[in-house]
Amino acid sequence: MRERKKRWGFVVLVSTALVLVGLLSLTSTAWATPAQGSAQQQSIPPTKEADQTVVCPGESLVFEISFGAGPTKWDNVVVTDDIDPLLTIEDVTTSHGTVLVVGQVVTVNVGNLTAGETVTIRITCTLEEGASPGFLVENTATAAVGDPALEFDASDYIEVCTPEFVPEPSSLLLLGSGLAGLASYAGMRWAKYRA
């Protein structure tokens, strides 16, 4: 009987603690709706993705940047992308705004976005021949909104491919003859013990 009371007392204690934690969490900002949150919560943050994760020198790749206004209107939207010096810019297309390419910097002056509207920017690049194998190429896109500007960043990393090791035929011949020699030596020793 005492054990049963102890168990029920423990259950009541745990239940009370859980109710208190639940009540305290209701005052937390984690429950804020988008209208209560900051401007960052009201936007669709920029994403930047490449169509490949590993690229060999001389190959092309495409970066796609997406950014949206969320439930509110955005004014004076400018998206800037600093392209790594190991990449050569081949082409830039956008669903909104005008494109300006200066050196390795791509700037898209989007202008105003209405609620729910999304911008997509595609940047086609080629990896230069002198890129070191295993090197990570980093690209960062920044979306500036309004005046004074709120900034949102998105980065992506691309790895330069490592050439595959292809053994020479002479190395394979040397390895094969060494294994054949070991096998014949083992066979002779085995025959000696059997005799």
N, C-alpha and C. Protein backbone atom coordinates (compact mmCIF):
# COMPACT_ATOMS: atom_id res chain seq x y z
N MET A 1 0.82 -1.19 0.00
CA MET A 1 0.00 0.00 0.00
C MET A 1 0.86 1.26 0.00
N ARG A 2 1.95 1.22 0.82
CA ARG A 2 2.85 2.37 0.89
C ARG A 2 3.55 2.60 -0.45
N GLU A 3 3.89 1.49 -1.14
CA GLU A 3 4.55 1.60 -2.44
C GLU A 3 3.63 2.28 -3.46
N ARG A 4 2.37 1.95 -3.38
CA ARG A 4 1.39 2.52 -4.31
C ARG A 4 1.25 4.03 -4.07
N LYS A 5 1.24 4.46 -2.82
CA LYS A 5 1.16 5.87 -2.50
C LYS A 5 2.41 6.61 -2.97
N LYS A 6 3.56 5.96 -2.80
CA LYS A 6 4.81 6.58 -3.26
C LYS A 6 4.79 6.80 -4.78
N ARG A 7 4.32 5.79 -5.52
CA ARG A 7 4.26 5.91 -6.96
C ARG A 7 3.32 7.02 -7.39
N TRP A 8 2.14 7.09 -6.78
CA TRP A 8 1.19 8.14 -7.12
C TRP A 8 1.74 9.51 -6.75
N GLY A 9 2.44 9.60 -5.66
CA GLY A 9 3.05 10.87 -5.26
C GLY A 9 4.09 11.32 -6.29
N PHE A 10 4.87 10.37 -6.78
CA PHE A 10 5.87 10.68 -7.80
C PHE A 10 5.21 11.14 -9.10
N VAL A 11 4.13 10.47 -9.51
CA VAL A 11 3.40 10.84 -10.73
C VAL A 11 2.84 12.25 -10.58
N VAL A 12 2.26 12.59 -9.44
CA VAL A 12 1.70 13.92 -9.21
C VAL A 12 2.81 14.96 -9.24
N LEU A 13 3.96 14.68 -8.65
CA LEU A 13 5.08 15.61 -8.65
C LEU A 13 5.57 15.89 -10.07
N VAL A 14 5.76 14.84 -10.87
CA VAL A 14 6.22 15.01 -12.25
C VAL A 14 5.18 15.77 -13.07
N SER A 15 3.91 15.47 -12.91
CA SER A 15 2.84 16.16 -13.65
C SER A 15 2.82 17.64 -13.31
N THR A 16 2.97 17.97 -12.04
CA THR A 16 2.98 19.37 -11.62
C THR A 16 4.17 20.11 -12.23
N ALA A 17 5.32 19.47 -12.24
CA ALA A 17 6.52 20.09 -12.82
C ALA A 17 6.32 20.34 -14.31
N LEU A 18 5.73 19.40 -15.01
CA LEU A 18 5.50 19.57 -16.45
C LEU A 18 4.51 20.70 -16.73
N VAL A 19 3.47 20.83 -15.91
CA VAL A 19 2.51 21.91 -16.08
C VAL A 19 3.18 23.26 -15.86
N LEU A 20 4.04 23.36 -14.84
CA LEU A 20 4.75 24.61 -14.57
C LEU A 20 5.68 24.98 -15.72
N VAL A 21 6.40 24.01 -16.24
CA VAL A 21 7.29 24.27 -17.37
C VAL A 21 6.48 24.73 -18.59
N GLY A 22 5.34 24.11 -18.84
CA GLY A 22 4.48 24.51 -19.95
C GLY A 22 3.97 25.93 -19.80
N LEU A 23 3.57 26.31 -18.58
CA LEU A 23 3.09 27.67 -18.34
C LEU A 23 4.20 28.70 -18.52
N LEU A 24 5.39 28.37 -18.07
CA LEU A 24 6.52 29.29 -18.22
C LEU A 24 6.92 29.45 -19.69
N SER A 25 6.79 28.38 -20.47
CA SER A 25 7.19 28.47 -21.88
C SER A 25 6.21 29.29 -22.71
N LEU A 26 4.98 29.47 -22.23
CA LEU A 26 4.01 30.29 -22.96
C LEU A 26 4.43 31.75 -23.04
N THR A 27 5.21 32.21 -22.07
CA THR A 27 5.68 33.59 -22.09
C THR A 27 6.95 33.75 -22.92
N SER A 28 7.46 32.66 -23.44
CA SER A 28 8.69 32.69 -24.23
C SER A 28 8.43 33.32 -25.60
N THR A 29 9.50 33.90 -26.21
CA THR A 29 9.38 34.47 -27.56
C THR A 29 9.31 33.39 -28.62
N ALA A 30 9.55 32.14 -28.24
CA ALA A 30 9.47 31.06 -29.22
C ALA A 30 8.06 30.89 -29.75
N TRP A 31 7.05 31.38 -29.01
CA TRP A 31 5.67 31.26 -29.43
C TRP A 31 5.21 32.45 -30.24
N ALA A 32 6.10 33.40 -30.51
CA ALA A 32 5.69 34.62 -31.22
C ALA A 32 5.26 34.30 -32.65
N THR A 33 4.22 34.93 -33.09
CA THR A 33 3.77 34.77 -34.47
C THR A 33 4.62 35.68 -35.35
N PRO A 34 4.64 35.47 -36.67
CA PRO A 34 5.44 36.34 -37.53
C PRO A 34 5.13 37.82 -37.35
N ALA A 35 3.88 38.17 -37.07
CA ALA A 35 3.55 39.58 -36.89
C ALA A 35 4.19 40.15 -35.63
N GLN A 36 4.46 39.29 -34.62
CA GLN A 36 5.09 39.76 -33.40
C GLN A 36 6.60 39.79 -33.51
N GLY A 37 7.17 39.03 -34.46
CA GLY A 37 8.62 38.90 -34.54
C GLY A 37 9.26 40.06 -35.26
N SER A 38 10.54 39.92 -35.50
CA SER A 38 11.29 40.96 -36.19
C SER A 38 11.06 40.88 -37.69
N ALA A 39 11.67 41.82 -38.42
CA ALA A 39 11.54 41.83 -39.87
C ALA A 39 12.16 40.58 -40.49
N GLN A 40 13.19 40.02 -39.83
CA GLN A 40 13.81 38.82 -40.36
C GLN A 40 12.84 37.66 -40.36
N GLN A 41 11.97 37.55 -39.34
CA GLN A 41 11.02 36.46 -39.29
C GLN A 41 9.93 36.65 -40.33
N GLN A 42 9.72 37.87 -40.80
CA GLN A 42 8.67 38.15 -41.76
C GLN A 42 9.14 37.94 -43.20
N SER A 43 10.39 37.62 -43.40
CA SER A 43 10.90 37.43 -44.75
C SER A 43 11.20 35.97 -45.00
N ILE A 44 11.40 35.66 -46.26
CA ILE A 44 11.93 34.35 -46.63
C ILE A 44 13.42 34.56 -46.77
N PRO A 45 14.23 34.03 -45.85
CA PRO A 45 15.67 34.32 -45.92
C PRO A 45 16.27 33.80 -47.22
N PRO A 46 17.34 34.45 -47.68
CA PRO A 46 17.93 34.01 -48.95
C PRO A 46 18.56 32.62 -48.81
N THR A 47 18.42 31.85 -49.85
CA THR A 47 19.12 30.57 -49.92
C THR A 47 20.03 30.62 -51.13
N LYS A 48 21.15 29.96 -51.03
CA LYS A 48 22.09 29.91 -52.13
C LYS A 48 22.56 28.48 -52.27
N GLU A 49 22.31 27.90 -53.42
CA GLU A 49 22.68 26.52 -53.65
C GLU A 49 23.35 26.40 -55.02
N ALA A 50 24.34 25.51 -55.08
CA ALA A 50 24.99 25.22 -56.36
C ALA A 50 24.45 23.90 -56.88
N ASP A 51 24.50 23.72 -58.19
CA ASP A 51 23.99 22.48 -58.77
C ASP A 51 24.96 21.31 -58.58
N GLN A 52 26.17 21.60 -58.08
CA GLN A 52 27.16 20.56 -57.80
C GLN A 52 27.86 20.88 -56.49
N THR A 53 28.34 19.85 -55.81
CA THR A 53 29.12 20.09 -54.58
C THR A 53 30.61 19.91 -54.82
N VAL A 54 30.97 19.15 -55.85
CA VAL A 54 32.38 18.94 -56.21
C VAL A 54 32.53 19.28 -57.68
N VAL A 55 33.48 20.17 -58.00
CA VAL A 55 33.68 20.63 -59.37
C VAL A 55 35.15 20.49 -59.73
N CYS A 56 35.43 20.02 -60.94
CA CYS A 56 36.79 19.92 -61.44
C CYS A 56 37.14 21.17 -62.24
N PRO A 57 38.42 21.55 -62.29
CA PRO A 57 38.82 22.72 -63.07
C PRO A 57 38.35 22.61 -64.52
N GLY A 58 37.82 23.72 -65.04
CA GLY A 58 37.31 23.75 -66.40
C GLY A 58 35.82 23.44 -66.50
N GLU A 59 35.22 22.91 -65.43
CA GLU A 59 33.79 22.59 -65.45
C GLU A 59 32.94 23.80 -65.06
N SER A 60 31.70 23.79 -65.53
CA SER A 60 30.76 24.86 -65.20
C SER A 60 29.87 24.43 -64.05
N LEU A 61 29.39 25.43 -63.30
CA LEU A 61 28.42 25.19 -62.25
C LEU A 61 27.48 26.37 -62.20
N VAL A 62 26.31 26.16 -61.62
CA VAL A 62 25.29 27.20 -61.54
C VAL A 62 24.91 27.42 -60.08
N PHE A 63 25.02 28.68 -59.63
CA PHE A 63 24.53 29.06 -58.31
C PHE A 63 23.13 29.62 -58.47
N GLU A 64 22.22 29.23 -57.58
CA GLU A 64 20.88 29.79 -57.60
C GLU A 64 20.60 30.43 -56.25
N ILE A 65 20.25 31.72 -56.29
CA ILE A 65 19.93 32.48 -55.09
C ILE A 65 18.44 32.78 -55.11
N SER A 66 17.74 32.47 -54.02
CA SER A 66 16.32 32.78 -53.90
C SER A 66 16.10 33.63 -52.66
N PHE A 67 15.22 34.63 -52.79
CA PHE A 67 14.93 35.54 -51.69
C PHE A 67 13.51 36.01 -51.83
N GLY A 68 12.75 36.01 -50.74
CA GLY A 68 11.34 36.40 -50.83
C GLY A 68 10.93 37.40 -49.77
N ALA A 69 9.84 38.11 -50.03
CA ALA A 69 9.36 39.18 -49.16
C ALA A 69 8.52 38.67 -48.00
N GLY A 70 8.04 37.45 -48.03
CA GLY A 70 7.20 36.96 -46.94
C GLY A 70 5.84 37.65 -46.95
N PRO A 71 5.22 37.84 -45.78
CA PRO A 71 3.86 38.39 -45.75
C PRO A 71 3.80 39.92 -45.88
N THR A 72 4.95 40.60 -45.91
CA THR A 72 4.93 42.06 -46.02
C THR A 72 5.66 42.51 -47.27
N LYS A 73 5.47 43.76 -47.65
CA LYS A 73 6.14 44.34 -48.82
C LYS A 73 7.55 44.76 -48.43
N TRP A 74 8.51 44.56 -49.34
CA TRP A 74 9.89 45.00 -49.11
C TRP A 74 10.22 46.10 -50.11
N ASP A 75 10.88 47.15 -49.62
CA ASP A 75 11.31 48.25 -50.50
C ASP A 75 12.83 48.23 -50.64
N ASN A 76 13.30 48.69 -51.79
CA ASN A 76 14.74 48.87 -52.06
C ASN A 76 15.55 47.59 -51.80
N VAL A 77 15.19 46.51 -52.45
CA VAL A 77 15.90 45.24 -52.27
C VAL A 77 17.08 45.19 -53.24
N VAL A 78 18.27 44.92 -52.69
CA VAL A 78 19.49 44.77 -53.49
C VAL A 78 20.17 43.47 -53.06
N VAL A 79 20.43 42.58 -54.00
CA VAL A 79 21.12 41.33 -53.72
C VAL A 79 22.52 41.42 -54.31
N THR A 80 23.54 41.16 -53.47
CA THR A 80 24.94 41.22 -53.90
C THR A 80 25.58 39.86 -53.66
N ASP A 81 26.36 39.39 -54.63
CA ASP A 81 27.05 38.11 -54.51
C ASP A 81 28.52 38.32 -54.84
N ASP A 82 29.39 37.99 -53.88
CA ASP A 82 30.84 38.05 -54.10
C ASP A 82 31.29 36.70 -54.62
N ILE A 83 31.63 36.64 -55.89
CA ILE A 83 32.06 35.40 -56.52
C ILE A 83 33.53 35.17 -56.22
N ASP A 84 33.87 33.95 -55.84
CA ASP A 84 35.25 33.59 -55.53
C ASP A 84 36.15 33.86 -56.74
N PRO A 85 37.39 34.35 -56.51
CA PRO A 85 38.30 34.64 -57.63
C PRO A 85 38.66 33.41 -58.48
N LEU A 86 38.46 32.19 -57.95
CA LEU A 86 38.75 30.99 -58.74
C LEU A 86 37.65 30.69 -59.75
N LEU A 87 36.54 31.44 -59.70
CA LEU A 87 35.43 31.22 -60.61
C LEU A 87 35.35 32.36 -61.63
N THR A 88 35.07 32.01 -62.88
CA THR A 88 34.86 32.99 -63.93
C THR A 88 33.36 33.07 -64.21
N ILE A 89 32.80 34.27 -64.14
CA ILE A 89 31.37 34.46 -64.36
C ILE A 89 31.09 34.37 -65.85
N GLU A 90 30.17 33.46 -66.22
CA GLU A 90 29.79 33.27 -67.61
C GLU A 90 28.47 33.96 -67.93
N ASP A 91 27.48 33.85 -67.03
CA ASP A 91 26.15 34.39 -67.33
C ASP A 91 25.41 34.63 -66.01
N VAL A 92 24.56 35.67 -66.00
CA VAL A 92 23.72 35.98 -64.84
C VAL A 92 22.32 36.27 -65.34
N THR A 93 21.33 35.56 -64.78
CA THR A 93 19.92 35.83 -65.10
C THR A 93 19.15 36.05 -63.81
N THR A 94 18.08 36.84 -63.88
CA THR A 94 17.27 37.12 -62.70
C THR A 94 15.80 37.19 -63.09
N SER A 95 14.95 36.84 -62.13
CA SER A 95 13.51 36.93 -62.38
C SER A 95 12.98 38.34 -62.16
N HIS A 96 13.71 39.19 -61.42
CA HIS A 96 13.31 40.58 -61.15
C HIS A 96 14.56 41.46 -61.16
N GLY A 97 14.40 42.70 -61.58
CA GLY A 97 15.46 43.69 -61.42
C GLY A 97 16.49 43.69 -62.52
N THR A 98 17.53 44.50 -62.28
CA THR A 98 18.61 44.66 -63.25
C THR A 98 19.91 44.12 -62.66
N VAL A 99 20.76 43.59 -63.54
CA VAL A 99 22.01 42.96 -63.14
C VAL A 99 23.18 43.86 -63.47
N LEU A 100 24.12 43.97 -62.54
CA LEU A 100 25.37 44.70 -62.76
C LEU A 100 26.51 43.80 -62.29
N VAL A 101 27.47 43.52 -63.19
CA VAL A 101 28.63 42.70 -62.85
C VAL A 101 29.86 43.57 -62.93
N VAL A 102 30.55 43.73 -61.79
CA VAL A 102 31.79 44.50 -61.74
C VAL A 102 32.84 43.58 -61.13
N GLY A 103 33.80 43.16 -61.95
CA GLY A 103 34.83 42.23 -61.47
C GLY A 103 34.20 40.92 -61.04
N GLN A 104 34.37 40.58 -59.76
CA GLN A 104 33.82 39.34 -59.22
C GLN A 104 32.57 39.58 -58.39
N VAL A 105 31.99 40.77 -58.48
CA VAL A 105 30.80 41.12 -57.69
C VAL A 105 29.60 41.24 -58.62
N VAL A 106 28.56 40.45 -58.30
CA VAL A 106 27.30 40.51 -59.03
C VAL A 106 26.29 41.24 -58.15
N THR A 107 25.72 42.34 -58.67
CA THR A 107 24.72 43.10 -57.93
C THR A 107 23.43 43.10 -58.72
N VAL A 108 22.34 42.71 -58.04
CA VAL A 108 21.02 42.73 -58.67
C VAL A 108 20.16 43.73 -57.90
N ASN A 109 19.77 44.81 -58.59
CA ASN A 109 18.90 45.82 -57.98
C ASN A 109 17.46 45.38 -58.26
N VAL A 110 16.86 44.74 -57.25
CA VAL A 110 15.53 44.16 -57.40
C VAL A 110 14.45 45.23 -57.34
N GLY A 111 14.65 46.25 -56.50
CA GLY A 111 13.62 47.27 -56.31
C GLY A 111 12.66 46.85 -55.22
N ASN A 112 11.35 46.95 -55.47
CA ASN A 112 10.34 46.63 -54.47
C ASN A 112 9.76 45.24 -54.72
N LEU A 113 9.49 44.53 -53.64
CA LEU A 113 8.84 43.23 -53.73
C LEU A 113 7.51 43.31 -53.00
N THR A 114 6.47 42.79 -53.62
CA THR A 114 5.18 42.73 -52.94
C THR A 114 5.15 41.51 -52.03
N ALA A 115 4.17 41.45 -51.14
CA ALA A 115 4.06 40.34 -50.20
C ALA A 115 3.97 39.02 -50.95
N GLY A 116 4.77 38.06 -50.52
CA GLY A 116 4.77 36.73 -51.12
C GLY A 116 5.58 36.59 -52.39
N GLU A 117 6.14 37.68 -52.90
CA GLU A 117 6.91 37.63 -54.14
C GLU A 117 8.33 37.14 -53.86
N THR A 118 8.88 36.37 -54.78
CA THR A 118 10.21 35.78 -54.62
C THR A 118 11.09 36.14 -55.82
N VAL A 119 12.36 36.39 -55.54
CA VAL A 119 13.36 36.68 -56.57
C VAL A 119 14.25 35.45 -56.73
N THR A 120 14.57 35.09 -57.95
CA THR A 120 15.50 34.00 -58.23
C THR A 120 16.60 34.53 -59.13
N ILE A 121 17.85 34.30 -58.73
CA ILE A 121 19.01 34.74 -59.50
C ILE A 121 19.85 33.51 -59.81
N ARG A 122 20.22 33.33 -61.07
CA ARG A 122 21.07 32.20 -61.47
C ARG A 122 22.38 32.75 -62.02
N ILE A 123 23.49 32.29 -61.43
CA ILE A 123 24.83 32.72 -61.85
C ILE A 123 25.58 31.49 -62.35
N THR A 124 25.95 31.51 -63.62
CA THR A 124 26.71 30.41 -64.21
C THR A 124 28.18 30.78 -64.20
N CYS A 125 29.02 29.89 -63.64
CA CYS A 125 30.46 30.14 -63.50
C CYS A 125 31.24 28.94 -64.01
N THR A 126 32.53 29.18 -64.30
CA THR A 126 33.46 28.11 -64.66
C THR A 126 34.63 28.15 -63.69
N LEU A 127 35.02 26.98 -63.17
CA LEU A 127 36.15 26.89 -62.26
C LEU A 127 37.45 26.98 -63.06
N GLU A 128 38.36 27.86 -62.64
CA GLU A 128 39.62 28.05 -63.35
C GLU A 128 40.51 26.82 -63.25
N GLU A 129 41.40 26.69 -64.22
CA GLU A 129 42.27 25.52 -64.31
C GLU A 129 43.27 25.40 -63.16
N GLY A 130 43.69 26.53 -62.56
CA GLY A 130 44.73 26.47 -61.53
C GLY A 130 44.23 26.17 -60.13
N ALA A 131 42.97 25.76 -59.98
CA ALA A 131 42.41 25.51 -58.64
C ALA A 131 43.05 24.28 -58.02
N SER A 132 43.43 24.39 -56.74
CA SER A 132 44.08 23.30 -56.02
C SER A 132 43.06 22.23 -55.64
N PRO A 133 43.40 20.96 -55.82
CA PRO A 133 42.49 19.87 -55.44
C PRO A 133 42.17 19.92 -53.94
N GLY A 134 40.91 19.67 -53.61
CA GLY A 134 40.48 19.66 -52.22
C GLY A 134 40.17 21.03 -51.65
N PHE A 135 40.45 22.10 -52.39
CA PHE A 135 40.22 23.47 -51.91
C PHE A 135 38.72 23.75 -51.87
N LEU A 136 38.25 24.47 -50.83
CA LEU A 136 36.84 24.85 -50.74
C LEU A 136 36.66 26.25 -51.31
N VAL A 137 35.77 26.39 -52.27
CA VAL A 137 35.44 27.67 -52.87
C VAL A 137 34.19 28.17 -52.15
N GLU A 138 34.27 29.36 -51.53
CA GLU A 138 33.13 29.89 -50.78
C GLU A 138 32.52 31.06 -51.53
N ASN A 139 31.21 31.09 -51.56
CA ASN A 139 30.47 32.20 -52.13
C ASN A 139 29.43 32.67 -51.13
N THR A 140 29.30 33.98 -50.98
CA THR A 140 28.33 34.54 -50.05
C THR A 140 27.46 35.55 -50.77
N ALA A 141 26.15 35.38 -50.64
CA ALA A 141 25.20 36.34 -51.19
C ALA A 141 24.60 37.14 -50.04
N THR A 142 24.43 38.44 -50.24
CA THR A 142 23.83 39.31 -49.23
C THR A 142 22.64 40.02 -49.84
N ALA A 143 21.51 39.95 -49.15
CA ALA A 143 20.31 40.68 -49.58
C ALA A 143 20.10 41.83 -48.61
N ALA A 144 20.13 43.07 -49.12
CA ALA A 144 19.90 44.26 -48.31
C ALA A 144 18.50 44.77 -48.62
N VAL A 145 17.74 45.05 -47.55
CA VAL A 145 16.34 45.45 -47.71
C VAL A 145 16.11 46.75 -46.97
N GLY A 146 15.47 47.74 -47.64
CA GLY A 146 15.02 48.97 -46.99
C GLY A 146 16.13 49.96 -46.73
N ASP A 147 15.74 51.04 -46.07
CA ASP A 147 16.68 52.10 -45.72
C ASP A 147 16.34 52.59 -44.32
N PRO A 148 17.14 52.36 -43.29
CA PRO A 148 18.44 51.68 -43.29
C PRO A 148 18.27 50.19 -43.59
N ALA A 149 19.29 49.65 -44.23
CA ALA A 149 19.19 48.29 -44.77
C ALA A 149 19.27 47.23 -43.69
N LEU A 150 18.38 46.24 -43.79
CA LEU A 150 18.50 44.99 -43.05
C LEU A 150 19.25 44.04 -43.97
N GLU A 151 20.19 43.29 -43.44
CA GLU A 151 20.97 42.40 -44.31
C GLU A 151 20.73 40.94 -43.93
N PHE A 152 20.64 40.11 -44.96
CA PHE A 152 20.47 38.68 -44.80
C PHE A 152 21.56 38.01 -45.64
N ASP A 153 22.28 37.06 -45.07
CA ASP A 153 23.38 36.40 -45.78
C ASP A 153 23.04 34.94 -46.08
N ALA A 154 23.61 34.43 -47.17
CA ALA A 154 23.52 33.01 -47.52
C ALA A 154 24.84 32.62 -48.17
N SER A 155 25.43 31.50 -47.72
CA SER A 155 26.71 31.05 -48.27
C SER A 155 26.59 29.64 -48.81
N ASP A 156 27.51 29.30 -49.69
CA ASP A 156 27.59 27.95 -50.22
C ASP A 156 29.06 27.62 -50.46
N TYR A 157 29.42 26.35 -50.27
CA TYR A 157 30.80 25.91 -50.44
C TYR A 157 30.85 24.85 -51.53
N ILE A 158 31.84 24.99 -52.40
CA ILE A 158 32.07 24.03 -53.48
C ILE A 158 33.49 23.49 -53.31
N GLU A 159 33.65 22.18 -53.40
CA GLU A 159 34.97 21.57 -53.26
C GLU A 159 35.57 21.31 -54.64
N VAL A 160 36.86 21.65 -54.78
CA VAL A 160 37.57 21.37 -56.03
C VAL A 160 37.92 19.89 -56.03
N CYS A 161 37.62 19.20 -57.13
CA CYS A 161 37.80 17.74 -57.18
C CYS A 161 39.27 17.36 -57.06
N THR A 162 39.48 16.18 -56.51
CA THR A 162 40.82 15.60 -56.40
C THR A 162 40.95 14.56 -57.50
N PRO A 163 41.99 14.65 -58.35
CA PRO A 163 42.12 13.68 -59.43
C PRO A 163 42.25 12.25 -58.87
N GLU A 164 41.59 11.31 -59.56
CA GLU A 164 41.65 9.92 -59.13
C GLU A 164 43.03 9.34 -59.45
N PHE A 165 43.51 8.47 -58.55
CA PHE A 165 44.79 7.81 -58.75
C PHE A 165 44.58 6.61 -59.66
N VAL A 166 45.30 6.59 -60.79
CA VAL A 166 45.22 5.46 -61.72
C VAL A 166 46.61 4.81 -61.74
N PRO A 167 46.72 3.59 -61.22
CA PRO A 167 48.05 2.95 -61.19
C PRO A 167 48.56 2.65 -62.60
N GLU A 168 49.88 2.75 -62.75
CA GLU A 168 50.50 2.46 -64.04
C GLU A 168 50.53 0.95 -64.26
N PRO A 169 50.53 0.50 -65.52
CA PRO A 169 50.61 -0.94 -65.80
C PRO A 169 51.88 -1.58 -65.23
N SER A 170 52.99 -0.84 -65.27
CA SER A 170 54.24 -1.44 -64.75
C SER A 170 54.14 -1.66 -63.24
N SER A 171 53.45 -0.77 -62.52
CA SER A 171 53.28 -0.95 -61.06
C SER A 171 52.43 -2.18 -60.79
N LEU A 172 51.38 -2.37 -61.61
CA LEU A 172 50.54 -3.56 -61.43
C LEU A 172 51.32 -4.84 -61.74
N LEU A 173 52.19 -4.79 -62.76
CA LEU A 173 53.01 -5.96 -63.10
C LEU A 173 53.96 -6.29 -61.97
N LEU A 174 54.59 -5.27 -61.38
CA LEU A 174 55.50 -5.48 -60.27
C LEU A 174 54.76 -6.07 -59.06
N LEU A 175 53.59 -5.53 -58.75
CA LEU A 175 52.79 -6.05 -57.64
C LEU A 175 52.38 -7.49 -57.90
N GLY A 176 51.92 -7.80 -59.11
CA GLY A 176 51.49 -9.16 -59.45
C GLY A 176 52.63 -10.16 -59.37
N SER A 177 53.82 -9.79 -59.86
CA SER A 177 54.95 -10.72 -59.82
C SER A 177 55.41 -10.96 -58.38
N GLY A 178 55.33 -9.91 -57.55
CA GLY A 178 55.69 -10.09 -56.14
C GLY A 178 54.72 -11.03 -55.43
N LEU A 179 53.43 -10.87 -55.70
CA LEU A 179 52.44 -11.78 -55.09
C LEU A 179 52.62 -13.22 -55.59
N ALA A 180 52.94 -13.39 -56.88
CA ALA A 180 53.17 -14.73 -57.43
C ALA A 180 54.39 -15.36 -56.78
N GLY A 181 55.46 -14.57 -56.55
CA GLY A 181 56.65 -15.08 -55.88
C GLY A 181 56.35 -15.51 -54.45
N LEU A 182 55.58 -14.72 -53.73
CA LEU A 182 55.21 -15.09 -52.36
C LEU A 182 54.37 -16.37 -52.34
N ALA A 183 53.46 -16.50 -53.30
CA ALA A 183 52.62 -17.70 -53.36
C ALA A 183 53.45 -18.94 -53.65
N SER A 184 54.41 -18.85 -54.56
CA SER A 184 55.26 -20.02 -54.87
C SER A 184 56.15 -20.37 -53.69
N TYR A 185 56.67 -19.37 -52.99
CA TYR A 185 57.50 -19.63 -51.81
C TYR A 185 56.66 -20.32 -50.73
N ALA A 186 55.45 -19.85 -50.51
CA ALA A 186 54.58 -20.46 -49.51
C ALA A 186 54.24 -21.89 -49.90
N GLY A 187 54.02 -22.12 -51.21
CA GLY A 187 53.72 -23.48 -51.69
C GLY A 187 54.90 -24.42 -51.44
N MET A 188 56.15 -23.94 -51.66
CA MET A 188 57.32 -24.79 -51.43
C MET A 188 57.47 -25.11 -49.95
N ARG A 189 57.23 -24.16 -49.08
CA ARG A 189 57.33 -24.41 -47.63
C ARG A 189 56.25 -25.39 -47.18
N TRP A 190 55.05 -25.25 -47.75
CA TRP A 190 53.96 -26.13 -47.38
C TRP A 190 54.27 -27.56 -47.82
N ALA A 191 54.87 -27.70 -49.00
CA ALA A 191 55.24 -29.04 -49.50
C ALA A 191 56.32 -29.65 -48.61
N LYS A 192 57.25 -28.86 -48.10
CA LYS A 192 58.33 -29.35 -47.25
C LYS A 192 57.76 -29.92 -45.95
N TYR A 193 56.74 -29.26 -45.38
CA TYR A 193 56.16 -29.72 -44.11
C TYR A 193 55.29 -30.95 -44.30
N ARG A 194 54.73 -31.12 -45.50
CA ARG A 194 53.88 -32.27 -45.75
C ARG A 194 54.72 -33.54 -45.95
N ALA A 195 55.95 -33.35 -46.41
CA ALA A 195 56.80 -34.50 -46.70
C ALA A 195 57.40 -35.12 -45.47
